[in-house]
């Protein structure tokens, strides 16, 4: 990845990448796993959650917002990236899906 470039991480869910048949769990567990899956992808490119500029969140139910937001706020560093949150249906029993745009900053 060239310096000062963008990385687009497409929609990630709360699947356990080591066991795709594992129970998905509730919104807290799915949010933690989703962010962890994103963190692992970023790490492959030498990036962290602090390099994320933009987050798109898809939730299946408004009642999950408070719990989701508590977990999200605990896992993402401040200042938080710009975020859009949409309520919609998701496949495979997912309660949350997240995609991000991260940037590798050019060293000066």
PDB file of N, CA and C in Angstrom:
ATOM      1  N   UNK A   1       0.849  -1.179   0.000  1.00  0.00           N
ATOM      2  CA  UNK A   1       0.000   0.000   0.000  1.00  0.00           C
ATOM      3  C   UNK A   1       0.895   1.243   0.000  1.00  0.00           C
ATOM      4  N   UNK A   2       0.757   2.099  -1.003  1.00  0.00           N
ATOM      5  CA  UNK A   2       1.578   3.304  -1.057  1.00  0.00           C
ATOM      6  C   UNK A   2       1.265   4.234   0.115  1.00  0.00           C
ATOM      7  N   UNK A   3       2.222   5.090   0.478  1.00  0.00           N
ATOM      8  CA  UNK A   3       1.963   6.032   1.558  1.00  0.00           C
ATOM      9  C   UNK A   3       0.896   7.027   1.120  1.00  0.00           C
ATOM     10  N   UNK A   4       0.213   7.582   2.119  1.00  0.00           N
ATOM     11  CA  UNK A   4      -0.857   8.561   1.905  1.00  0.00           C
ATOM     12  C   UNK A   4      -1.908   8.036   0.931  1.00  0.00           C
ATOM     13  N   UNK A   5      -2.411   6.834   1.209  1.00  0.00           N
ATOM     14  CA  UNK A   5      -3.422   6.232   0.354  1.00  0.00           C
ATOM     15  C   UNK A   5      -4.582   5.723   1.193  1.00  0.00           C
ATOM     16  N   UNK A   6      -5.681   5.420   0.533  1.00  0.00           N
ATOM     17  CA  UNK A   6      -6.898   4.975   1.207  1.00  0.00           C
ATOM     18  C   UNK A   6      -7.048   3.463   1.124  1.00  0.00           C
ATOM     19  N   UNK A   7      -7.631   2.908   2.174  1.00  0.00           N
ATOM     20  CA  UNK A   7      -7.998   1.498   2.199  1.00  0.00           C
ATOM     21  C   UNK A   7      -9.489   1.425   2.458  1.00  0.00           C
ATOM     22  N   UNK A   8     -10.217   0.755   1.592  1.00  0.00           N
ATOM     23  CA  UNK A   8     -11.658   0.580   1.726  1.00  0.00           C
ATOM     24  C   UNK A   8     -11.920  -0.842   2.212  1.00  0.00           C
ATOM     25  N   UNK A   9     -12.509  -0.960   3.403  1.00  0.00           N
ATOM     26  CA  UNK A   9     -12.846  -2.268   3.962  1.00  0.00           C
ATOM     27  C   UNK A   9     -14.343  -2.447   3.798  1.00  0.00           C
ATOM     28  N   UNK A  10     -14.741  -3.396   2.956  1.00  0.00           N
ATOM     29  CA  UNK A  10     -16.159  -3.613   2.700  1.00  0.00           C
ATOM     30  C   UNK A  10     -16.850  -4.199   3.922  1.00  0.00           C
ATOM     31  N   UNK A  11     -18.173  -4.260   3.858  1.00  0.00           N
ATOM     32  CA  UNK A  11     -19.002  -4.648   4.985  1.00  0.00           C
ATOM     33  C   UNK A  11     -18.539  -5.882   5.732  1.00  0.00           C
ATOM     34  N   UNK A  12     -18.297  -5.712   7.019  1.00  0.00           N
ATOM     35  CA  UNK A  12     -17.899  -6.799   7.904  1.00  0.00           C
ATOM     36  C   UNK A  12     -19.005  -7.030   8.927  1.00  0.00           C
ATOM     37  N   UNK A  13     -19.195  -8.288   9.280  1.00  0.00           N
ATOM     38  CA  UNK A  13     -20.204  -8.644  10.273  1.00  0.00           C
ATOM     39  C   UNK A  13     -19.567  -9.349  11.449  1.00  0.00           C
ATOM     40  N   UNK A  14     -20.408  -9.809  12.347  1.00  0.00           N
ATOM     41  CA  UNK A  14     -19.947 -10.411  13.582  1.00  0.00           C
ATOM     42  C   UNK A  14     -19.639 -11.883  13.501  1.00  0.00           C
ATOM     43  N   UNK A  15     -19.250 -12.361  12.339  1.00  0.00           N
ATOM     44  CA  UNK A  15     -18.873 -13.762  12.206  1.00  0.00           C
ATOM     45  C   UNK A  15     -17.537 -14.009  12.890  1.00  0.00           C
ATOM     46  N   UNK A  16     -17.378 -15.198  13.408  1.00  0.00           N
ATOM     47  CA  UNK A  16     -16.094 -15.633  13.933  1.00  0.00           C
ATOM     48  C   UNK A  16     -15.338 -16.219  12.752  1.00  0.00           C
ATOM     49  N   UNK A  17     -14.257 -15.573  12.291  1.00  0.00           N
ATOM     50  CA  UNK A  17     -13.578 -16.060  11.087  1.00  0.00           C
ATOM     51  C   UNK A  17     -12.957 -17.446  11.262  1.00  0.00           C
ATOM     52  N   UNK A  18     -12.726 -17.860  12.504  1.00  0.00           N
ATOM     53  CA  UNK A  18     -12.149 -19.176  12.756  1.00  0.00           C
ATOM     54  C   UNK A  18     -13.202 -20.284  12.803  1.00  0.00           C
ATOM     55  N   UNK A  19     -14.480 -19.891  12.948  1.00  0.00           N
ATOM     56  CA  UNK A  19     -15.568 -20.872  13.034  1.00  0.00           C
ATOM     57  C   UNK A  19     -16.848 -20.232  12.513  1.00  0.00           C
ATOM     58  N   UNK A  20     -17.050 -20.318  11.198  1.00  0.00           N
ATOM     59  CA  UNK A  20     -18.210 -19.677  10.558  1.00  0.00           C
ATOM     60  C   UNK A  20     -19.540 -20.242  11.048  1.00  0.00           C
ATOM     61  N   UNK A  21     -19.521 -21.407  11.709  1.00  0.00           N
ATOM     62  CA  UNK A  21     -20.753 -22.004  12.217  1.00  0.00           C
ATOM     63  C   UNK A  21     -21.030 -21.627  13.664  1.00  0.00           C
ATOM     64  N   UNK A  22     -20.154 -20.833  14.274  1.00  0.00           N
ATOM     65  CA  UNK A  22     -20.342 -20.433  15.671  1.00  0.00           C
ATOM     66  C   UNK A  22     -21.585 -19.548  15.804  1.00  0.00           C
ATOM     67  N   UNK A  23     -22.215 -19.615  16.945  1.00  0.00           N
ATOM     68  CA  UNK A  23     -23.367 -18.754  17.217  1.00  0.00           C
ATOM     69  C   UNK A  23     -22.963 -17.289  17.077  1.00  0.00           C
ATOM     70  N   UNK A  24     -23.853 -16.486  16.504  1.00  0.00           N
ATOM     71  CA  UNK A  24     -23.542 -15.077  16.309  1.00  0.00           C
ATOM     72  C   UNK A  24     -23.639 -14.274  17.600  1.00  0.00           C
ATOM     73  N   UNK A  25     -24.571 -14.643  18.471  1.00  0.00           N
ATOM     74  CA  UNK A  25     -24.742 -13.898  19.712  1.00  0.00           C
ATOM     75  C   UNK A  25     -25.551 -12.628  19.505  1.00  0.00           C
ATOM     76  N   UNK A  26     -25.642 -11.844  20.572  1.00  0.00           N
ATOM     77  CA  UNK A  26     -26.416 -10.604  20.556  1.00  0.00           C
ATOM     78  C   UNK A  26     -25.634  -9.434  19.981  1.00  0.00           C
ATOM     79  N   UNK A  27     -26.222  -8.259  20.092  1.00  0.00           N
ATOM     80  CA  UNK A  27     -25.637  -7.068  19.472  1.00  0.00           C
ATOM     81  C   UNK A  27     -24.277  -6.724  20.055  1.00  0.00           C
ATOM     82  N   UNK A  28     -24.071  -6.917  21.356  1.00  0.00           N
ATOM     83  CA  UNK A  28     -22.780  -6.586  21.953  1.00  0.00           C
ATOM     84  C   UNK A  28     -21.671  -7.477  21.391  1.00  0.00           C
ATOM     85  N   UNK A  29     -21.898  -8.766  21.372  1.00  0.00           N
ATOM     86  CA  UNK A  29     -20.900  -9.706  20.846  1.00  0.00           C
ATOM     87  C   UNK A  29     -20.663  -9.475  19.359  1.00  0.00           C
ATOM     88  N   UNK A  30     -21.747  -9.277  18.605  1.00  0.00           N
ATOM     89  CA  UNK A  30     -21.584  -9.061  17.164  1.00  0.00           C
ATOM     90  C   UNK A  30     -20.823  -7.775  16.877  1.00  0.00           C
ATOM     91  N   UNK A  31     -21.072  -6.730  17.654  1.00  0.00           N
ATOM     92  CA  UNK A  31     -20.347  -5.474  17.439  1.00  0.00           C
ATOM     93  C   UNK A  31     -18.868  -5.656  17.758  1.00  0.00           C
ATOM     94  N   UNK A  32     -18.561  -6.318  18.865  1.00  0.00           N
ATOM     95  CA  UNK A  32     -17.161  -6.564  19.225  1.00  0.00           C
ATOM     96  C   UNK A  32     -16.449  -7.363  18.141  1.00  0.00           C
ATOM     97  N   UNK A  33     -17.091  -8.424  17.655  1.00  0.00           N
ATOM     98  CA  UNK A  33     -16.465  -9.253  16.611  1.00  0.00           C
ATOM     99  C   UNK A  33     -16.301  -8.487  15.305  1.00  0.00           C
ATOM    100  N   UNK A  34     -17.309  -7.698  14.963  1.00  0.00           N
ATOM    101  CA  UNK A  34     -17.253  -6.931  13.720  1.00  0.00           C
ATOM    102  C   UNK A  34     -16.074  -5.970  13.741  1.00  0.00           C
ATOM    103  N   UNK A  35     -15.928  -5.231  14.828  1.00  0.00           N
ATOM    104  CA  UNK A  35     -14.823  -4.285  14.941  1.00  0.00           C
ATOM    105  C   UNK A  35     -13.491  -5.034  14.985  1.00  0.00           C
ATOM    106  N   UNK A  36     -13.447  -6.168  15.648  1.00  0.00           N
ATOM    107  CA  UNK A  36     -12.214  -6.971  15.687  1.00  0.00           C
ATOM    108  C   UNK A  36     -11.855  -7.462  14.290  1.00  0.00           C
ATOM    109  N   UNK A  37     -12.842  -7.889  13.509  1.00  0.00           N
ATOM    110  CA  UNK A  37     -12.573  -8.324  12.133  1.00  0.00           C
ATOM    111  C   UNK A  37     -12.003  -7.172  11.311  1.00  0.00           C
ATOM    112  N   UNK A  38     -12.551  -5.982  11.497  1.00  0.00           N
ATOM    113  CA  UNK A  38     -12.041  -4.793  10.797  1.00  0.00           C
ATOM    114  C   UNK A  38     -10.620  -4.488  11.268  1.00  0.00           C
ATOM    115  N   UNK A  39     -10.388  -4.554  12.568  1.00  0.00           N
ATOM    116  CA  UNK A  39      -9.064  -4.277  13.123  1.00  0.00           C
ATOM    117  C   UNK A  39      -8.009  -5.211  12.514  1.00  0.00           C
ATOM    118  N   UNK A  40      -8.363  -6.489  12.361  1.00  0.00           N
ATOM    119  CA  UNK A  40      -7.426  -7.459  11.789  1.00  0.00           C
ATOM    120  C   UNK A  40      -7.114  -7.142  10.321  1.00  0.00           C
ATOM    121  N   UNK A  41      -8.114  -6.735   9.570  1.00  0.00           N
ATOM    122  CA  UNK A  41      -7.889  -6.367   8.167  1.00  0.00           C
ATOM    123  C   UNK A  41      -6.978  -5.148   8.095  1.00  0.00           C
ATOM    124  N   UNK A  42      -7.255  -4.138   8.914  1.00  0.00           N
ATOM    125  CA  UNK A  42      -6.418  -2.938   8.927  1.00  0.00           C
ATOM    126  C   UNK A  42      -4.971  -3.290   9.279  1.00  0.00           C
ATOM    127  N   UNK A  43      -4.800  -4.164  10.257  1.00  0.00           N
ATOM    128  CA  UNK A  43      -3.456  -4.545  10.704  1.00  0.00           C
ATOM    129  C   UNK A  43      -2.647  -5.183   9.580  1.00  0.00           C
ATOM    130  N   UNK A  44      -3.313  -5.889   8.682  1.00  0.00           N
ATOM    131  CA  UNK A  44      -2.609  -6.502   7.547  1.00  0.00           C
ATOM    132  C   UNK A  44      -1.954  -5.444   6.667  1.00  0.00           C
ATOM    133  N   UNK A  45      -2.462  -4.237   6.733  1.00  0.00           N
ATOM    134  CA  UNK A  45      -1.939  -3.130   5.933  1.00  0.00           C
ATOM    135  C   UNK A  45      -1.153  -2.133   6.783  1.00  0.00           C
ATOM    136  N   UNK A  46      -0.867  -2.511   8.030  1.00  0.00           N
ATOM    137  CA  UNK A  46      -0.101  -1.631   8.907  1.00  0.00           C
ATOM    138  C   UNK A  46      -0.904  -0.471   9.455  1.00  0.00           C
ATOM    139  N   UNK A  47      -2.216  -0.621   9.498  1.00  0.00           N
ATOM    140  CA  UNK A  47      -3.104   0.437   9.982  1.00  0.00           C
ATOM    141  C   UNK A  47      -3.804   0.004  11.266  1.00  0.00           C
ATOM    142  N   UNK A  48      -4.382   0.977  11.964  1.00  0.00           N
ATOM    143  CA  UNK A  48      -5.151   0.704  13.176  1.00  0.00           C
ATOM    144  C   UNK A  48      -6.504   1.401  13.073  1.00  0.00           C
ATOM    145  N   UNK A  49      -7.339   1.204  14.070  1.00  0.00           N
ATOM    146  CA  UNK A  49      -8.638   1.874  14.093  1.00  0.00           C
ATOM    147  C   UNK A  49      -8.476   3.391  14.153  1.00  0.00           C
ATOM    148  N   UNK A  50      -7.349   3.875  14.647  1.00  0.00           N
ATOM    149  CA  UNK A  50      -7.088   5.317  14.690  1.00  0.00           C
ATOM    150  C   UNK A  50      -6.909   5.905  13.285  1.00  0.00           C
ATOM    151  N   UNK A  51      -6.649   5.052  12.289  1.00  0.00           N
ATOM    152  CA  UNK A  51      -6.485   5.512  10.908  1.00  0.00           C
ATOM    153  C   UNK A  51      -7.799   5.568  10.138  1.00  0.00           C
ATOM    154  N   UNK A  52      -8.883   5.160  10.760  1.00  0.00           N
ATOM    155  CA  UNK A  52     -10.187   5.142  10.091  1.00  0.00           C
ATOM    156  C   UNK A  52     -10.725   6.563   9.996  1.00  0.00           C
ATOM    157  N   UNK A  53     -11.118   6.955   8.780  1.00  0.00           N
ATOM    158  CA  UNK A  53     -11.678   8.283   8.526  1.00  0.00           C
ATOM    159  C   UNK A  53     -13.200   8.292   8.530  1.00  0.00           C
ATOM    160  N   UNK A  54     -13.791   7.207   8.011  1.00  0.00           N
ATOM    161  CA  UNK A  54     -15.242   7.154   7.795  1.00  0.00           C
ATOM    162  C   UNK A  54     -15.753   5.765   8.106  1.00  0.00           C
ATOM    163  N   UNK A  55     -16.894   5.702   8.768  1.00  0.00           N
ATOM    164  CA  UNK A  55     -17.534   4.445   9.143  1.00  0.00           C
ATOM    165  C   UNK A  55     -18.983   4.482   8.680  1.00  0.00           C
ATOM    166  N   UNK A  56     -19.427   3.411   8.033  1.00  0.00           N
ATOM    167  CA  UNK A  56     -20.846   3.224   7.716  1.00  0.00           C
ATOM    168  C   UNK A  56     -21.332   2.033   8.525  1.00  0.00           C
ATOM    169  N   UNK A  57     -22.391   2.242   9.284  1.00  0.00           N
ATOM    170  CA  UNK A  57     -22.943   1.211  10.158  1.00  0.00           C
ATOM    171  C   UNK A  57     -24.351   0.876   9.688  1.00  0.00           C
ATOM    172  N   UNK A  58     -24.644  -0.411   9.657  1.00  0.00           N
ATOM    173  CA  UNK A  58     -25.973  -0.900   9.308  1.00  0.00           C
ATOM    174  C   UNK A  58     -26.478  -1.728  10.486  1.00  0.00           C
ATOM    175  N   UNK A  59     -27.575  -1.297  11.091  1.00  0.00           N
ATOM    176  CA  UNK A  59     -28.193  -2.019  12.204  1.00  0.00           C
ATOM    177  C   UNK A  59     -29.565  -2.507  11.783  1.00  0.00           C
ATOM    178  N   UNK A  60     -29.969  -3.662  12.306  1.00  0.00           N
ATOM    179  CA  UNK A  60     -31.272  -4.213  11.940  1.00  0.00           C
ATOM    180  C   UNK A  60     -32.409  -3.650  12.770  1.00  0.00           C
ATOM    181  N   UNK A  61     -32.119  -3.075  13.939  1.00  0.00           N
ATOM    182  CA  UNK A  61     -33.191  -2.659  14.838  1.00  0.00           C
ATOM    183  C   UNK A  61     -32.753  -1.463  15.674  1.00  0.00           C
ATOM    184  N   UNK A  62     -33.622  -0.463  15.763  1.00  0.00           N
ATOM    185  CA  UNK A  62     -33.322   0.739  16.549  1.00  0.00           C
ATOM    186  C   UNK A  62     -33.074   0.417  18.014  1.00  0.00           C
ATOM    187  N   UNK A  63     -33.670  -0.647  18.518  1.00  0.00           N
ATOM    188  CA  UNK A  63     -33.507  -0.977  19.942  1.00  0.00           C
ATOM    189  C   UNK A  63     -32.059  -1.374  20.267  1.00  0.00           C
ATOM    190  N   UNK A  64     -31.255  -1.669  19.253  1.00  0.00           N
ATOM    191  CA  UNK A  64     -29.860  -2.046  19.472  1.00  0.00           C
ATOM    192  C   UNK A  64     -28.911  -0.848  19.533  1.00  0.00           C
ATOM    193  N   UNK A  65     -29.424   0.349  19.236  1.00  0.00           N
ATOM    194  CA  UNK A  65     -28.543   1.506  19.087  1.00  0.00           C
ATOM    195  C   UNK A  65     -27.719   1.797  20.342  1.00  0.00           C
ATOM    196  N   UNK A  66     -28.342   1.883  21.491  1.00  0.00           N
ATOM    197  CA  UNK A  66     -27.622   2.258  22.712  1.00  0.00           C
ATOM    198  C   UNK A  66     -26.493   1.279  23.028  1.00  0.00           C
ATOM    199  N   UNK A  67     -26.795  -0.017  22.977  1.00  0.00           N
ATOM    200  CA  UNK A  67     -25.767  -1.023  23.260  1.00  0.00           C
ATOM    201  C   UNK A  67     -24.674  -0.967  22.206  1.00  0.00           C
ATOM    202  N   UNK A  68     -25.069  -0.892  20.942  1.00  0.00           N
ATOM    203  CA  UNK A  68     -24.083  -0.773  19.864  1.00  0.00           C
ATOM    204  C   UNK A  68     -23.168   0.420  20.115  1.00  0.00           C
ATOM    205  N   UNK A  69     -23.742   1.570  20.411  1.00  0.00           N
ATOM    206  CA  UNK A  69     -22.973   2.797  20.569  1.00  0.00           C
ATOM    207  C   UNK A  69     -22.011   2.717  21.754  1.00  0.00           C
ATOM    208  N   UNK A  70     -22.420   2.066  22.830  1.00  0.00           N
ATOM    209  CA  UNK A  70     -21.537   1.885  23.984  1.00  0.00           C
ATOM    210  C   UNK A  70     -20.311   1.056  23.595  1.00  0.00           C
ATOM    211  N   UNK A  71     -20.534  -0.044  22.893  1.00  0.00           N
ATOM    212  CA  UNK A  71     -19.422  -0.906  22.472  1.00  0.00           C
ATOM    213  C   UNK A  71     -18.541  -0.159  21.467  1.00  0.00           C
ATOM    214  N   UNK A  72     -19.149   0.463  20.485  1.00  0.00           N
ATOM    215  CA  UNK A  72     -18.418   1.218  19.465  1.00  0.00           C
ATOM    216  C   UNK A  72     -17.533   2.277  20.125  1.00  0.00           C
ATOM    217  N   UNK A  73     -18.092   3.015  21.071  1.00  0.00           N
ATOM    218  CA  UNK A  73     -17.364   4.090  21.750  1.00  0.00           C
ATOM    219  C   UNK A  73     -16.194   3.558  22.564  1.00  0.00           C
ATOM    220  N   UNK A  74     -16.308   2.351  23.036  1.00  0.00           N
ATOM    221  CA  UNK A  74     -15.239   1.721  23.813  1.00  0.00           C
ATOM    222  C   UNK A  74     -14.110   1.231  22.896  1.00  0.00           C
ATOM    223  N   UNK A  75     -14.441   0.797  21.687  1.00  0.00           N
ATOM    224  CA  UNK A  75     -13.456   0.172  20.799  1.00  0.00           C
ATOM    225  C   UNK A  75     -12.754   1.152  19.854  1.00  0.00           C
ATOM    226  N   UNK A  76     -13.462   2.166  19.391  1.00  0.00           N
ATOM    227  CA  UNK A  76     -12.851   3.140  18.485  1.00  0.00           C
ATOM    228  C   UNK A  76     -12.222   4.263  19.302  1.00  0.00           C
ATOM    229  N   UNK A  77     -11.000   4.672  18.941  1.00  0.00           N
ATOM    230  CA  UNK A  77     -10.351   5.757  19.674  1.00  0.00           C
ATOM    231  C   UNK A  77     -10.933   7.121  19.290  1.00  0.00           C
ATOM    232  N   UNK A  78     -10.820   8.038  20.215  1.00  0.00           N
ATOM    233  CA  UNK A  78     -11.210   9.415  19.935  1.00  0.00           C
ATOM    234  C   UNK A  78     -10.038  10.135  19.287  1.00  0.00           C
ATOM    235  N   UNK A  79     -10.235  11.105  18.436  1.00  0.00           N
ATOM    236  CA  UNK A  79     -11.540  11.561  17.977  1.00  0.00           C
ATOM    237  C   UNK A  79     -12.155  10.524  17.040  1.00  0.00           C
ATOM    238  N   UNK A  80     -13.448  10.303  17.224  1.00  0.00           N
ATOM    239  CA  UNK A  80     -14.134   9.288  16.438  1.00  0.00           C
ATOM    240  C   UNK A  80     -14.174   9.686  14.968  1.00  0.00           C
ATOM    241  N   UNK A  81     -14.116   8.687  14.086  1.00  0.00           N
ATOM    242  CA  UNK A  81     -14.243   8.996  12.655  1.00  0.00           C
ATOM    243  C   UNK A  81     -15.672   9.443  12.330  1.00  0.00           C
ATOM    244  N   UNK A  82     -15.831  10.099  11.196  1.00  0.00           N
ATOM    245  CA  UNK A  82     -17.172  10.439  10.715  1.00  0.00           C
ATOM    246  C   UNK A  82     -17.967   9.146  10.599  1.00  0.00           C
ATOM    247  N   UNK A  83     -19.266   9.204  10.914  1.00  0.00           N
ATOM    248  CA  UNK A  83     -20.056   7.970  10.930  1.00  0.00           C
ATOM    249  C   UNK A  83     -21.463   8.220  10.403  1.00  0.00           C
ATOM    250  N   UNK A  84     -21.930   7.277   9.608  1.00  0.00           N
ATOM    251  CA  UNK A  84     -23.314   7.231   9.162  1.00  0.00           C
ATOM    252  C   UNK A  84     -23.899   5.927   9.674  1.00  0.00           C
ATOM    253  N   UNK A  85     -25.129   5.988  10.195  1.00  0.00           N
ATOM    254  CA  UNK A  85     -25.788   4.783  10.700  1.00  0.00           C
ATOM    255  C   UNK A  85     -27.145   4.660  10.025  1.00  0.00           C
ATOM    256  N   UNK A  86     -27.417   3.463   9.484  1.00  0.00           N
ATOM    257  CA  UNK A  86     -28.649   3.189   8.756  1.00  0.00           C
ATOM    258  C   UNK A  86     -29.303   1.952   9.353  1.00  0.00           C
ATOM    259  N   UNK A  87     -30.626   1.970   9.439  1.00  0.00           N
ATOM    260  CA  UNK A  87     -31.377   0.794   9.881  1.00  0.00           C
ATOM    261  C   UNK A  87     -31.879   0.061   8.639  1.00  0.00           C
ATOM    262  N   UNK A  88     -31.648  -1.263   8.607  1.00  0.00           N
ATOM    263  CA  UNK A  88     -32.018  -2.047   7.435  1.00  0.00           C
ATOM    264  C   UNK A  88     -32.051  -3.532   7.789  1.00  0.00           C
ATOM    265  N   UNK A  89     -32.449  -4.337   6.831  1.00  0.00           N
ATOM    266  CA  UNK A  89     -32.370  -5.791   6.990  1.00  0.00           C
ATOM    267  C   UNK A  89     -30.978  -6.248   6.580  1.00  0.00           C
ATOM    268  N   UNK A  90     -30.466  -7.260   7.287  1.00  0.00           N
ATOM    269  CA  UNK A  90     -29.174  -7.835   6.953  1.00  0.00           C
ATOM    270  C   UNK A  90     -29.317  -9.338   6.774  1.00  0.00           C
ATOM    271  N   UNK A  91     -28.420  -9.922   6.020  1.00  0.00           N
ATOM    272  CA  UNK A  91     -28.447 -11.367   5.762  1.00  0.00           C
ATOM    273  C   UNK A  91     -27.765 -12.158   6.878  1.00  0.00           C
ATOM    274  N   UNK A  92     -28.000 -13.457   6.873  1.00  0.00           N
ATOM    275  CA  UNK A  92     -27.286 -14.442   7.683  1.00  0.00           C
ATOM    276  C   UNK A  92     -27.437 -14.251   9.191  1.00  0.00           C
ATOM    277  N   UNK A  93     -28.508 -13.590   9.631  1.00  0.00           N
ATOM    278  CA  UNK A  93     -28.727 -13.396  11.062  1.00  0.00           C
ATOM    279  C   UNK A  93     -27.899 -12.292  11.683  1.00  0.00           C
ATOM    280  N   UNK A  94     -27.241 -11.495  10.859  1.00  0.00           N
ATOM    281  CA  UNK A  94     -26.442 -10.395  11.387  1.00  0.00           C
ATOM    282  C   UNK A  94     -27.339  -9.306  11.960  1.00  0.00           C
ATOM    283  N   UNK A  95     -26.903  -8.707  13.066  1.00  0.00           N
ATOM    284  CA  UNK A  95     -27.589  -7.567  13.665  1.00  0.00           C
ATOM    285  C   UNK A  95     -26.884  -6.260  13.321  1.00  0.00           C
ATOM    286  N   UNK A  96     -25.603  -6.369  12.929  1.00  0.00           N
ATOM    287  CA  UNK A  96     -24.798  -5.194  12.604  1.00  0.00           C
ATOM    288  C   UNK A  96     -23.819  -5.550  11.481  1.00  0.00           C
ATOM    289  N   UNK A  97     -23.576  -4.572  10.628  1.00  0.00           N
ATOM    290  CA  UNK A  97     -22.544  -4.675   9.599  1.00  0.00           C
ATOM    291  C   UNK A  97     -21.873  -3.316   9.523  1.00  0.00           C
ATOM    292  N   UNK A  98     -20.555  -3.322   9.347  1.00  0.00           N
ATOM    293  CA  UNK A  98     -19.795  -2.074   9.317  1.00  0.00           C
ATOM    294  C   UNK A  98     -18.804  -2.115   8.160  1.00  0.00           C
ATOM    295  N   UNK A  99     -18.702  -1.001   7.427  1.00  0.00           N
ATOM    296  CA  UNK A  99     -17.614  -0.832   6.476  1.00  0.00           C
ATOM    297  C   UNK A  99     -16.879   0.455   6.825  1.00  0.00           C
ATOM    298  N   UNK A 100     -15.595   0.511   6.468  1.00  0.00           N
ATOM    299  CA  UNK A 100     -14.783   1.672   6.832  1.00  0.00           C
ATOM    300  C   UNK A 100     -13.881   2.098   5.683  1.00  0.00           C
ATOM    301  N   UNK A 101     -13.461   3.343   5.767  1.00  0.00           N
ATOM    302  CA  UNK A 101     -12.412   3.881   4.905  1.00  0.00           C
ATOM    303  C   UNK A 101     -11.306   4.358   5.842  1.00  0.00           C
ATOM    304  N   UNK A 102     -10.090   3.855   5.607  1.00  0.00           N
ATOM    305  CA  UNK A 102      -8.944   4.240   6.422  1.00  0.00           C
ATOM    306  C   UNK A 102      -7.889   4.872   5.524  1.00  0.00           C
ATOM    307  N   UNK A 103      -7.001   5.630   6.153  1.00  0.00           N
ATOM    308  CA  UNK A 103      -5.960   6.303   5.377  1.00  0.00           C
ATOM    309  C   UNK A 103      -4.598   6.116   6.017  1.00  0.00           C
ATOM    310  N   UNK A 104      -3.666   5.735   5.193  1.00  0.00           N
ATOM    311  CA  UNK A 104      -2.268   5.729   5.619  1.00  0.00           C
ATOM    312  C   UNK A 104      -1.730   7.120   5.332  1.00  0.00           C
ATOM    313  N   UNK A 105      -1.271   7.764   6.372  1.00  0.00           N
ATOM    314  CA  UNK A 105      -0.759   9.125   6.225  1.00  0.00           C
ATOM    315  C   UNK A 105       0.707   9.090   5.822  1.00  0.00           C
ATOM    316  N   UNK A 106       1.043   9.976   4.924  1.00  0.00           N
ATOM    317  CA  UNK A 106       2.423  10.084   4.455  1.00  0.00           C
ATOM    318  C   UNK A 106       3.282  10.631   5.588  1.00  0.00           C
ATOM    319  N   UNK A 107       4.404   9.977   5.840  1.00  0.00           N
ATOM    320  CA  UNK A 107       5.325  10.458   6.869  1.00  0.00           C
ATOM    321  C   UNK A 107       6.087  11.641   6.326  1.00  0.00           C
ATOM    322  N   UNK A 108       6.277  12.609   7.189  1.00  0.00           N
ATOM    323  CA  UNK A 108       6.981  13.830   6.755  1.00  0.00           C
ATOM    324  C   UNK A 108       8.277  13.958   7.457  1.00  0.00           C
TER     325      UNK A 108
END
